[in-house]
Protein backbone atom coordinates (compact mmCIF):
# COMPACT_ATOMS: atom_id res chain seq x y z
CA UNK A 1 0.00 0.00 0.00
CA UNK A 2 2.83 2.44 0.87
CA UNK A 3 4.21 2.37 -2.68
CA UNK A 4 1.41 4.55 -4.05
CA UNK A 5 2.32 7.44 -1.72
CA UNK A 6 5.17 9.98 -1.90
CA UNK A 7 8.37 8.88 -0.11
CA UNK A 8 8.87 9.48 3.60
CA UNK A 9 10.45 8.10 6.77
CA UNK A 10 9.93 4.39 7.39
CA UNK A 11 7.00 3.82 9.77
CA UNK A 12 6.92 1.47 12.75
CA UNK A 13 4.13 -1.09 13.15
CA UNK A 14 1.00 0.30 14.84
CA UNK A 15 2.56 3.71 15.64
CA UNK A 16 3.60 4.67 12.11
CA UNK A 17 5.90 7.70 12.44
CA UNK A 18 4.35 8.99 15.68
CA UNK A 19 7.28 7.80 17.81
CA UNK A 20 9.84 9.61 15.60
CA UNK A 21 7.63 12.71 15.79
CA UNK A 22 7.25 12.52 19.60
CA UNK A 23 3.49 12.49 18.95
CA UNK A 24 3.61 16.05 17.60
CA UNK A 25 3.42 17.41 14.07
CA UNK A 26 6.28 19.84 14.67
CA UNK A 27 7.55 22.23 12.00
CA UNK A 28 11.22 21.46 12.77
CA UNK A 29 10.63 17.75 12.16
CA UNK A 30 8.83 18.60 8.91
CA UNK A 31 11.75 20.81 7.82
CA UNK A 32 14.13 17.93 8.46
CA UNK A 33 11.96 15.50 6.49
CA UNK A 34 11.58 18.05 3.67
CA UNK A 35 15.35 18.27 3.25
CA UNK A 36 15.53 14.49 2.96
CA UNK A 37 12.39 13.69 0.95
CA UNK A 38 11.57 16.90 -0.96
CA UNK A 39 8.53 19.16 -1.17
CA UNK A 40 5.98 16.34 -0.85
CA UNK A 41 6.37 13.38 1.48
CA UNK A 42 4.32 10.94 3.53
CA UNK A 43 4.05 10.50 7.28
CA UNK A 44 2.11 7.68 8.86
CA UNK A 45 -0.06 8.59 11.85
CA UNK A 46 -0.45 5.05 13.14
CA UNK A 47 -1.96 3.29 10.09
CA UNK A 48 -3.25 6.50 8.51
CA UNK A 49 -1.21 8.12 5.71
CA UNK A 50 -0.69 11.89 5.79
CA UNK A 51 0.83 13.61 2.75
CA UNK A 52 2.79 16.74 3.70
CA UNK A 53 3.13 19.69 1.30
CA UNK A 54 6.31 21.70 1.87
CA UNK A 55 7.18 25.15 0.47
CA UNK A 56 5.10 27.76 -1.36
CA UNK A 57 4.85 26.03 -4.74
CA UNK A 58 3.84 22.67 -3.29
CA UNK A 59 1.30 24.15 -0.86
CA UNK A 60 -0.27 26.48 -3.43
CA UNK A 61 -0.49 23.82 -6.14
CA UNK A 62 -1.52 21.07 -3.73
CA UNK A 63 -4.43 23.05 -2.27
CA UNK A 64 -5.66 24.80 -5.42
CA UNK A 65 -4.89 22.67 -8.50
CA UNK A 66 -7.45 20.06 -7.42
CA UNK A 67 -9.12 22.11 -4.68
CA UNK A 68 -12.39 20.16 -4.71
CA UNK A 69 -10.53 16.85 -4.36
CA UNK A 70 -8.78 17.87 -1.12
CA UNK A 71 -11.63 19.81 0.51
CA UNK A 72 -12.50 17.15 3.08
CA UNK A 73 -11.65 16.93 6.76
CA UNK A 74 -10.30 13.79 8.43
CA UNK A 75 -13.02 11.81 10.16
CA UNK A 76 -11.09 10.84 13.28
CA UNK A 77 -12.34 9.71 16.67
CA UNK A 78 -11.46 13.03 18.31
CA UNK A 79 -13.29 15.14 15.73
CA UNK A 80 -16.29 12.87 16.17
CA UNK A 81 -16.07 13.37 19.95
CA UNK A 82 -15.82 17.15 19.59
CA UNK A 83 -18.32 17.84 16.80
CA UNK A 84 -20.02 14.58 15.79
CA UNK A 85 -19.42 15.68 12.19
CA UNK A 86 -21.64 18.75 12.55
CA UNK A 87 -21.00 22.47 12.08
CA UNK A 88 -18.66 24.02 9.55
CA UNK A 89 -15.08 23.41 10.69
CA UNK A 90 -14.85 19.60 10.78
CA UNK A 91 -17.85 18.55 8.70
CA UNK A 92 -17.78 17.10 5.19
CA UNK A 93 -19.70 16.72 1.96
CA UNK A 94 -23.12 18.25 1.41
CA UNK A 95 -23.52 19.25 5.06
CA UNK A 96 -20.23 21.19 5.06
CA UNK A 97 -20.96 22.90 1.74
CA UNK A 98 -24.40 24.00 2.87
CA UNK A 99 -23.24 25.21 6.29
CA UNK A 100 -20.26 27.09 4.85
CA UNK A 101 -22.32 28.66 2.06
CA UNK A 102 -24.92 29.78 4.59
CA UNK A 103 -22.25 31.12 6.96
CA UNK A 104 -20.58 33.26 4.30
CA UNK A 105 -23.91 34.52 2.92
CA UNK A 106 -25.14 35.40 6.41
CA UNK A 107 -21.98 37.31 7.25
CA UNK A 108 -22.57 39.29 4.08
CA UNK A 109 -26.23 39.96 4.98
CA UNK A 110 -25.20 41.08 8.45
CA UNK A 111 -22.80 43.54 6.86
CA UNK A 112 -19.98 41.93 8.81
CA UNK A 113 -17.42 43.64 6.59
CA UNK A 114 -18.88 47.00 7.67
CA UNK A 115 -18.78 46.29 11.38
CA UNK A 116 -15.91 48.68 12.08
CA UNK A 117 -17.95 50.23 14.89
CA UNK A 118 -18.04 46.92 16.80
CA UNK A 119 -14.26 46.66 16.62
CA UNK A 120 -13.86 50.32 17.55
CA UNK A 121 -16.06 49.77 20.60
CA UNK A 122 -14.05 46.78 21.79
CA UNK A 123 -10.75 48.58 21.14
CA UNK A 124 -12.01 51.52 23.22
CA UNK A 125 -12.86 49.16 26.11
CA UNK A 126 -9.31 47.77 26.05
CA UNK A 127 -7.76 51.25 25.87
CA UNK A 128 -9.82 52.27 28.91
CA UNK A 129 -8.71 49.15 30.79
CA UNK A 130 -5.03 49.71 29.98
CA UNK A 131 -5.21 53.38 30.99
CA UNK A 132 -6.28 52.29 34.46
CA UNK A 133 -3.04 50.28 34.87
CA UNK A 134 -1.14 53.60 35.01
CA UNK A 135 1.81 52.15 33.14
CA UNK A 136 2.35 49.33 35.64
CA UNK A 137 3.38 45.85 34.39
CA UNK A 138 0.57 43.56 33.26
CA UNK A 139 0.06 40.33 31.35
CA UNK A 140 -1.94 41.37 28.24
CA UNK A 141 -3.26 37.87 27.45
CA UNK A 142 -6.69 37.92 29.08
CA UNK A 143 -7.59 41.54 28.18
CA UNK A 144 -6.71 40.86 24.53
CA UNK A 145 -8.62 37.57 24.43
CA UNK A 146 -11.66 39.26 26.00
CA UNK A 147 -11.60 42.00 23.38
CA UNK A 148 -11.46 39.59 20.43
CA UNK A 149 -13.98 37.16 21.94
CA UNK A 150 -16.50 39.92 22.51
CA UNK A 151 -16.48 40.80 18.81
CA UNK A 152 -17.62 37.26 18.00
CA UNK A 153 -20.16 37.30 20.85
CA UNK A 154 -21.67 40.54 19.56
CA UNK A 155 -22.02 39.12 16.05
CA UNK A 156 -23.32 35.71 17.12
CA UNK A 157 -25.48 36.60 20.13
CA UNK A 158 -26.09 40.34 19.88
CA UNK A 159 -24.40 41.30 23.13
CA UNK A 160 -20.97 41.49 24.72
CA UNK A 161 -19.88 40.03 28.05
CA UNK A 162 -18.53 41.96 31.00
CA UNK A 163 -14.85 41.45 31.77
CA UNK A 164 -15.92 40.20 35.22
CA UNK A 165 -18.46 37.64 33.97
CA UNK A 166 -17.40 34.24 35.35
CA UNK A 167 -19.27 32.34 32.64
CA UNK A 168 -17.40 34.34 30.00
CA UNK A 169 -14.07 33.43 31.61
CA UNK A 170 -15.14 29.80 31.78
CA UNK A 171 -16.22 29.87 28.13
CA UNK A 172 -12.87 31.28 27.00
CA UNK A 173 -10.97 28.77 29.15
CA UNK A 174 -13.05 25.93 27.67
CA UNK A 175 -12.26 27.00 24.10
CA UNK A 176 -8.56 27.33 25.01
CA UNK A 177 -8.58 23.81 26.44
CA UNK A 178 -10.25 22.39 23.32
CA UNK A 179 -7.86 24.20 20.98
CA UNK A 180 -4.77 23.09 22.94
CA UNK A 181 -5.96 19.47 22.93
CA UNK A 182 -5.95 19.30 19.12
CA UNK A 183 -2.13 19.33 18.93
CA UNK A 184 -1.29 17.37 22.06
CA UNK A 185 -0.03 13.86 22.79
CA UNK A 186 -3.43 13.03 24.30
CA UNK A 187 -5.03 13.67 20.90
CA UNK A 188 -3.04 10.83 19.30
CA UNK A 189 -3.43 8.51 22.28
CA UNK A 190 -7.20 8.91 21.98
CA UNK A 191 -7.01 8.14 18.25
CA UNK A 192 -4.96 4.99 18.96
CA UNK A 193 -6.84 3.74 22.03
CA UNK A 194 -10.08 5.67 22.63
CA UNK A 195 -11.41 3.43 25.39
CA UNK A 196 -8.23 3.60 27.46
CA UNK A 197 -7.77 7.34 26.87
CA UNK A 198 -11.39 8.08 27.65
CA UNK A 199 -11.22 6.27 30.97
CA UNK A 200 -7.69 7.05 32.17
CA UNK A 201 -6.53 10.36 30.63
CA UNK A 202 -7.63 13.40 32.68
CA UNK A 203 -7.17 15.62 29.60
CA UNK A 204 -9.83 13.67 27.67
CA UNK A 205 -12.27 13.90 30.56
CA UNK A 206 -11.58 17.63 30.76
CA UNK A 207 -12.27 18.01 27.03
CA UNK A 208 -15.64 16.29 27.43
CA UNK A 209 -16.48 18.64 30.31
CA UNK A 210 -15.50 21.66 28.21
CA UNK A 211 -17.65 20.52 25.27
CA UNK A 212 -20.63 20.13 27.62
CA UNK A 213 -20.10 23.61 29.10
CA UNK A 214 -19.76 25.30 25.69
CA UNK A 215 -22.92 23.58 24.47
CA UNK A 216 -24.78 24.67 27.61
CA UNK A 217 -23.80 28.34 27.12
CA UNK A 218 -24.79 28.32 23.45
CA UNK A 219 -28.05 26.49 24.24
CA UNK A 220 -28.90 29.20 26.77
CA UNK A 221 -28.28 31.92 24.15
CA UNK A 222 -30.33 29.95 21.64
CA UNK A 223 -33.27 29.66 24.02
CA UNK A 224 -33.13 33.41 24.65
CA UNK A 225 -33.26 34.21 20.92
CA UNK A 226 -36.05 31.72 20.19
CA UNK A 227 -38.21 33.44 22.79
CA UNK A 228 -37.92 36.99 21.48
CA UNK A 229 -37.11 36.94 17.78
CA UNK A 230 -39.36 38.09 14.96
CA UNK A 231 -39.25 36.37 11.59
CA UNK A 232 -37.15 38.23 8.98
CA UNK A 233 -36.13 40.93 11.48
CA UNK A 234 -32.64 39.61 11.99
CA UNK A 235 -29.51 41.28 13.20
CA UNK A 236 -27.42 38.45 14.59
CA UNK A 237 -26.13 35.12 13.31
CA UNK A 238 -28.31 32.99 15.60
CA UNK A 239 -31.46 34.75 14.37
CA UNK A 240 -30.59 34.25 10.70
CA UNK A 241 -29.93 30.58 11.35
CA UNK A 242 -33.20 30.07 13.24
CA UNK A 243 -35.02 31.64 10.29
CA UNK A 244 -33.29 29.23 7.93
CA UNK A 245 -34.40 26.29 10.08
CA UNK A 246 -38.01 27.48 9.81
CA UNK A 247 -37.79 28.19 6.07
CA UNK A 248 -36.33 24.77 5.18
CA UNK A 249 -38.57 22.56 7.33
CA UNK A 250 -39.73 19.64 5.23
CA UNK A 251 -36.80 20.01 2.81
CA UNK A 252 -34.99 16.66 2.89
CA UNK A 253 -31.93 18.31 1.33
CA UNK A 254 -31.54 20.84 4.17
CA UNK A 255 -29.03 20.35 6.99
CA UNK A 256 -30.23 23.25 9.14
CA UNK A 257 -31.14 22.29 12.70
CA UNK A 258 -30.32 23.37 16.23
CA UNK A 259 -27.49 20.84 16.56
CA UNK A 260 -25.70 22.26 13.53
CA UNK A 261 -26.46 25.80 14.67
CA UNK A 262 -24.81 25.22 18.05
CA UNK A 263 -21.77 23.55 16.51
CA UNK A 264 -21.36 26.25 13.85
CA UNK A 265 -21.46 28.98 16.50
CA UNK A 266 -18.85 27.07 18.53
CA UNK A 267 -16.68 26.64 15.41
CA UNK A 268 -16.87 30.33 14.53
CA UNK A 269 -16.11 31.31 18.12
CA UNK A 270 -12.95 29.22 18.45
CA UNK A 271 -11.75 30.06 14.93
CA UNK A 272 -12.49 33.75 15.35
CA UNK A 273 -10.88 34.15 18.76
CA UNK A 274 -7.84 31.90 19.05
CA UNK A 275 -5.94 33.02 15.95
CA UNK A 276 -6.58 36.77 16.12
CA UNK A 277 -5.90 37.03 19.87
CA UNK A 278 -2.67 35.05 19.53
CA UNK A 279 -1.48 37.24 16.65
CA UNK A 280 -2.18 40.40 18.67
CA UNK A 281 -0.20 39.02 21.62
CA UNK A 282 2.76 38.47 19.29
CA UNK A 283 2.22 41.97 17.89
CA UNK A 284 2.58 43.62 21.30
CA UNK A 285 5.59 41.46 22.13
CA UNK A 286 7.34 42.40 18.87
CA UNK A 287 6.68 46.09 19.49
CA UNK A 288 8.41 45.75 22.86
CA UNK A 289 11.34 43.92 21.26
CA UNK A 290 11.61 46.31 18.29
CA UNK A 291 10.95 49.79 19.76
CA UNK A 292 12.32 51.48 16.63
CA UNK A 293 9.59 49.80 14.54
CA UNK A 294 6.97 50.74 17.14
CA UNK A 295 8.12 54.36 17.00
CA UNK A 296 8.00 54.39 13.20
CA UNK A 297 4.41 53.09 13.24
CA UNK A 298 3.44 55.78 15.74
CA UNK A 299 5.05 58.51 13.65
CA UNK A 300 3.04 57.40 10.62
CA UNK A 301 -0.19 57.29 12.65
CA UNK A 302 0.45 60.75 14.09
CA UNK A 303 1.36 62.29 10.74
CA UNK A 304 -1.46 60.78 8.67
CA UNK A 305 -4.48 60.52 10.98
CA UNK A 306 -3.57 62.27 14.23
CA UNK A 307 -3.88 61.31 17.88
CA UNK A 308 -7.69 61.31 18.24
CA UNK A 309 -8.69 59.49 15.04
CA UNK A 310 -11.07 56.53 15.31
CA UNK A 311 -9.74 53.86 12.96
CA UNK A 312 -11.70 52.09 10.25
CA UNK A 313 -10.42 49.36 7.96
CA UNK A 314 -10.23 51.73 4.97
CA UNK A 315 -7.49 53.68 6.80
CA UNK A 316 -5.01 50.92 6.00
CA UNK A 317 -4.70 52.33 2.46
CA UNK A 318 -3.29 55.58 3.91
CA UNK A 319 -0.95 53.80 6.33
CA UNK A 320 1.38 51.58 4.27
CA UNK A 321 4.06 51.13 6.94
CA UNK A 322 1.56 50.20 9.66
CA UNK A 323 -0.12 47.78 7.25
CA UNK A 324 3.27 46.26 6.37
CA UNK A 325 4.14 45.79 10.04
CA UNK A 326 0.85 43.97 10.69
CA UNK A 327 1.46 41.65 7.74
CA UNK A 328 5.01 40.97 8.90
CA UNK A 329 3.71 40.17 12.39
CA UNK A 330 1.44 37.55 10.82
CA UNK A 331 4.26 36.15 8.68
CA UNK A 332 6.92 36.09 11.37
CA UNK A 333 4.75 34.82 14.24
CA UNK A 334 3.35 32.11 11.95
CA UNK A 335 0.92 30.96 14.59
CA UNK A 336 -0.60 27.97 12.77
CA UNK A 337 2.53 26.27 11.37
CA UNK A 338 0.32 23.57 9.82
CA UNK A 339 -3.06 24.40 8.29
CA UNK A 340 -6.02 22.44 9.64
CA UNK A 341 -5.77 18.99 8.05
CA UNK A 342 -7.51 18.32 4.75
CA UNK A 343 -8.59 14.96 3.39
CA UNK A 344 -8.86 13.73 -0.16
CA UNK A 345 -12.52 13.03 -0.92
CA UNK A 346 -11.67 10.99 -4.04
CA UNK A 347 -8.63 9.49 -5.75
CA UNK A 348 -6.60 12.43 -7.00
CA UNK A 349 -3.13 13.60 -7.96
CA UNK A 350 -0.79 15.87 -5.99
CA UNK A 351 2.44 17.05 -7.59
CA UNK A 352 2.62 13.97 -9.81
CA UNK A 353 1.76 11.41 -7.12
CA UNK A 354 -1.45 9.39 -7.10
CA UNK A 355 -3.23 10.03 -3.81
CA UNK A 356 -6.04 7.64 -2.83
CA UNK A 357 -9.35 8.74 -1.36
CA UNK A 358 -9.36 9.37 2.44
CA UNK A 359 -5.71 10.43 2.60
CA UNK A 360 -4.88 13.23 5.05
CA UNK A 361 -3.21 16.25 3.41
CA UNK A 362 -1.11 18.57 5.60
CA UNK A 363 -0.08 21.99 4.27
CA UNK A 364 3.04 23.21 6.06
CA UNK A 365 2.28 26.95 6.32
CA UNK A 366 5.57 27.50 8.19
CA UNK A 367 7.46 26.38 5.09
CA UNK A 368 5.53 28.96 3.02
CA UNK A 369 5.89 31.96 5.33
CA UNK A 370 9.60 31.21 5.77
CA UNK A 371 10.32 29.99 2.22
CA UNK A 372 13.81 31.35 1.38
CA UNK A 373 12.85 31.40 -2.29
CA UNK A 374 10.00 33.82 -1.58
CA UNK A 375 11.24 36.07 1.24
CA UNK A 376 14.41 38.16 1.25
CA UNK A 377 15.09 37.69 4.98
CA UNK A 378 12.77 34.87 6.06
CA UNK A 379 14.31 34.47 9.52
CA UNK A 380 14.21 38.17 10.43
CA UNK A 381 11.37 40.46 11.45
CA UNK A 382 11.37 42.79 8.47
CA UNK A 383 8.33 44.94 7.52
CA UNK A 384 10.20 45.74 4.29
CA UNK A 385 8.95 42.41 2.96
CA UNK A 386 5.66 44.23 2.28
CA UNK A 387 6.98 47.57 1.01
CA UNK A 388 8.33 48.63 -2.37
CA UNK A 389 11.24 51.03 -2.89
CA UNK A 390 8.91 54.03 -2.56
CA UNK A 391 7.40 52.84 0.72
CA UNK A 392 4.12 51.68 -0.81
CA UNK A 393 2.45 48.57 0.57
CA UNK A 394 2.77 45.46 -1.62
CA UNK A 395 1.07 42.13 -1.14
CA UNK A 396 3.11 38.94 -1.55
CA UNK A 397 1.88 35.76 -3.18
CA UNK A 398 3.56 33.65 -0.50
CA UNK A 399 1.59 35.38 2.26
CA UNK A 400 -0.81 32.54 3.06
CA UNK A 401 -1.50 32.65 6.82
CA UNK A 402 -5.15 31.79 6.13
CA UNK A 403 -4.21 28.84 3.87
CA UNK A 404 -5.77 28.45 0.39
CA UNK A 405 -8.29 26.42 -1.58
CA UNK A 406 -11.89 25.53 -0.72
CA UNK A 407 -11.22 25.38 3.03
CA UNK A 408 -9.62 28.82 3.24
CA UNK A 409 -10.59 30.63 6.47
CA UNK A 410 -14.12 32.03 6.00
CA UNK A 411 -13.42 34.77 8.54
CA UNK A 412 -10.26 36.02 6.84
CA UNK A 413 -11.58 39.53 6.17
CA UNK A 414 -12.88 39.94 9.73
CA UNK A 415 -9.49 38.85 11.09
CA UNK A 416 -7.72 41.39 8.87
CA UNK A 417 -10.09 44.13 10.06
CA UNK A 418 -9.56 43.22 13.70
CA UNK A 419 -5.77 43.14 13.44
CA UNK A 420 -5.62 46.52 11.73
CA UNK A 421 -8.12 48.38 13.93
CA UNK A 422 -6.95 46.88 17.24
CA UNK A 423 -3.22 47.24 16.53
CA UNK A 424 -3.50 50.80 15.21
CA UNK A 425 -5.73 51.91 18.09
CA UNK A 426 -3.38 50.48 20.71
CA UNK A 427 -0.25 52.04 19.22
CA UNK A 428 -2.02 55.37 18.82
CA UNK A 429 -2.89 55.36 22.53
CA UNK A 430 0.17 53.73 24.13
CA UNK A 431 3.86 53.06 23.88
CA UNK A 432 4.55 49.49 24.99
CA UNK A 433 7.73 48.81 26.96
CA UNK A 434 9.34 46.09 29.04
CA UNK A 435 8.89 46.39 32.82
CA UNK A 436 11.75 48.11 34.60
CA UNK A 437 14.73 45.80 35.09
CA UNK A 438 13.65 43.28 32.43
CA UNK A 439 16.37 43.05 29.78
CA UNK A 440 15.54 39.89 27.83
CA UNK A 441 12.32 38.46 26.42
CA UNK A 442 11.61 34.81 25.69
CA UNK A 443 10.18 34.47 22.16
CA UNK A 444 10.13 30.67 21.96
CA UNK A 445 6.52 29.79 21.21
CA UNK A 446 4.37 27.53 23.36
CA UNK A 447 3.49 24.57 21.15
CA UNK A 448 -0.24 23.96 20.68
CA UNK A 449 -2.99 24.28 18.08
CA UNK A 450 -1.73 27.84 17.68
CA UNK A 451 1.80 28.87 18.60
CA UNK A 452 1.33 31.32 21.45
CA UNK A 453 4.08 33.49 22.89
CA UNK A 454 5.18 32.44 26.37
CA UNK A 455 3.49 34.45 29.14
CA UNK A 456 5.02 37.91 29.38
CA UNK A 457 4.45 41.27 31.00
CA UNK A 458 4.64 44.73 29.51
CA UNK A 459 3.85 48.30 30.44
CA UNK A 460 1.30 50.35 28.49
CA UNK A 461 2.56 53.93 28.74
CA UNK A 462 -0.11 56.48 27.68
CA UNK A 463 1.06 58.76 24.88
């Protein structure tokens, strides 16, 4: 069977390559394998083949040349435990297509791309919070996560949560636990031995508890909206979805029901919070490490829009250096490393190799965002990657933090809006510095489903 796949390291019985990988799909191991086996190779996750795409050309071609063929998601035991195949993130086939199409169309109806005011409101809340610290050291993680999470809450539920709301804290902690589990040793142990893991691994029991809590919170919101909504007078995602359930009753082709609604909301929450919040935490850390770049951003903001301007997404066109810095933060922090796994839904071909149906396809985003053939200084933080000789912003074809193909992040534009408005607002209001006496900063990421910076403290000095 192995002969029909691209080459790769020899697997062990039962474990495949998991032992060599230390039960982690780590970018350094993939780099090593890429040097040996080339830009497409095979890893075995126990008895399951996973084809890895390495470098810009392989990733772009692999995800777009036969995009429909590799638009599936692996149907593993964990994904079944977490979502039961429902929602939009880990579903497949007709159900996935219908849920995704509805999600994108609903975001458009809601005018999500014109929701600058929601982002401005949340940014203002964070500015107010930071002002009260009076420049004293703080860990920015929870305030940043609260800000980003509340954007999703406002769009899904129609209201924001107080910073002191215990249920909100518990909800965020639950999503963090679920996200961290997806790239942990426990994940693979559950795939190999679900009964043993389910009974003896505390992390699996904790995941089940988190899933139950998230579902309970969303069910409570759902009940609230069912009781007070009016047909076709929608403002929020839940209301649009409830309307769709009513409109498609009796349609055997429809996949709209309360189970899929709850899972889709959960999917959008975790996807819309984890990545943006993590990127912003790297952004603040980099500004502390590179004060000259921070100062240059502030000079551009002051010169072009002034100190009291309320930012909207359109402002990025007038602020090329700030825009370039944000893009470089995304490139350099590279928080995903590996895009969410795809699966071939039929026999297909990738870069000249015949790939059978139900093969996992892993796109190594790290190898794209640090491809030496595409970036002048891939291992350095350099906003010049996104500027031409005249200082104008330029996009780069190898900038693929949101992946590519049919499973590209459906919230990409919202994430771009959030990063620009939040980052610009914070640097307009504050200069971020290290606490007094701190000379060095640890930038080695914490390995998980997203690569977070290690916990750190900074001072927000009002400007």
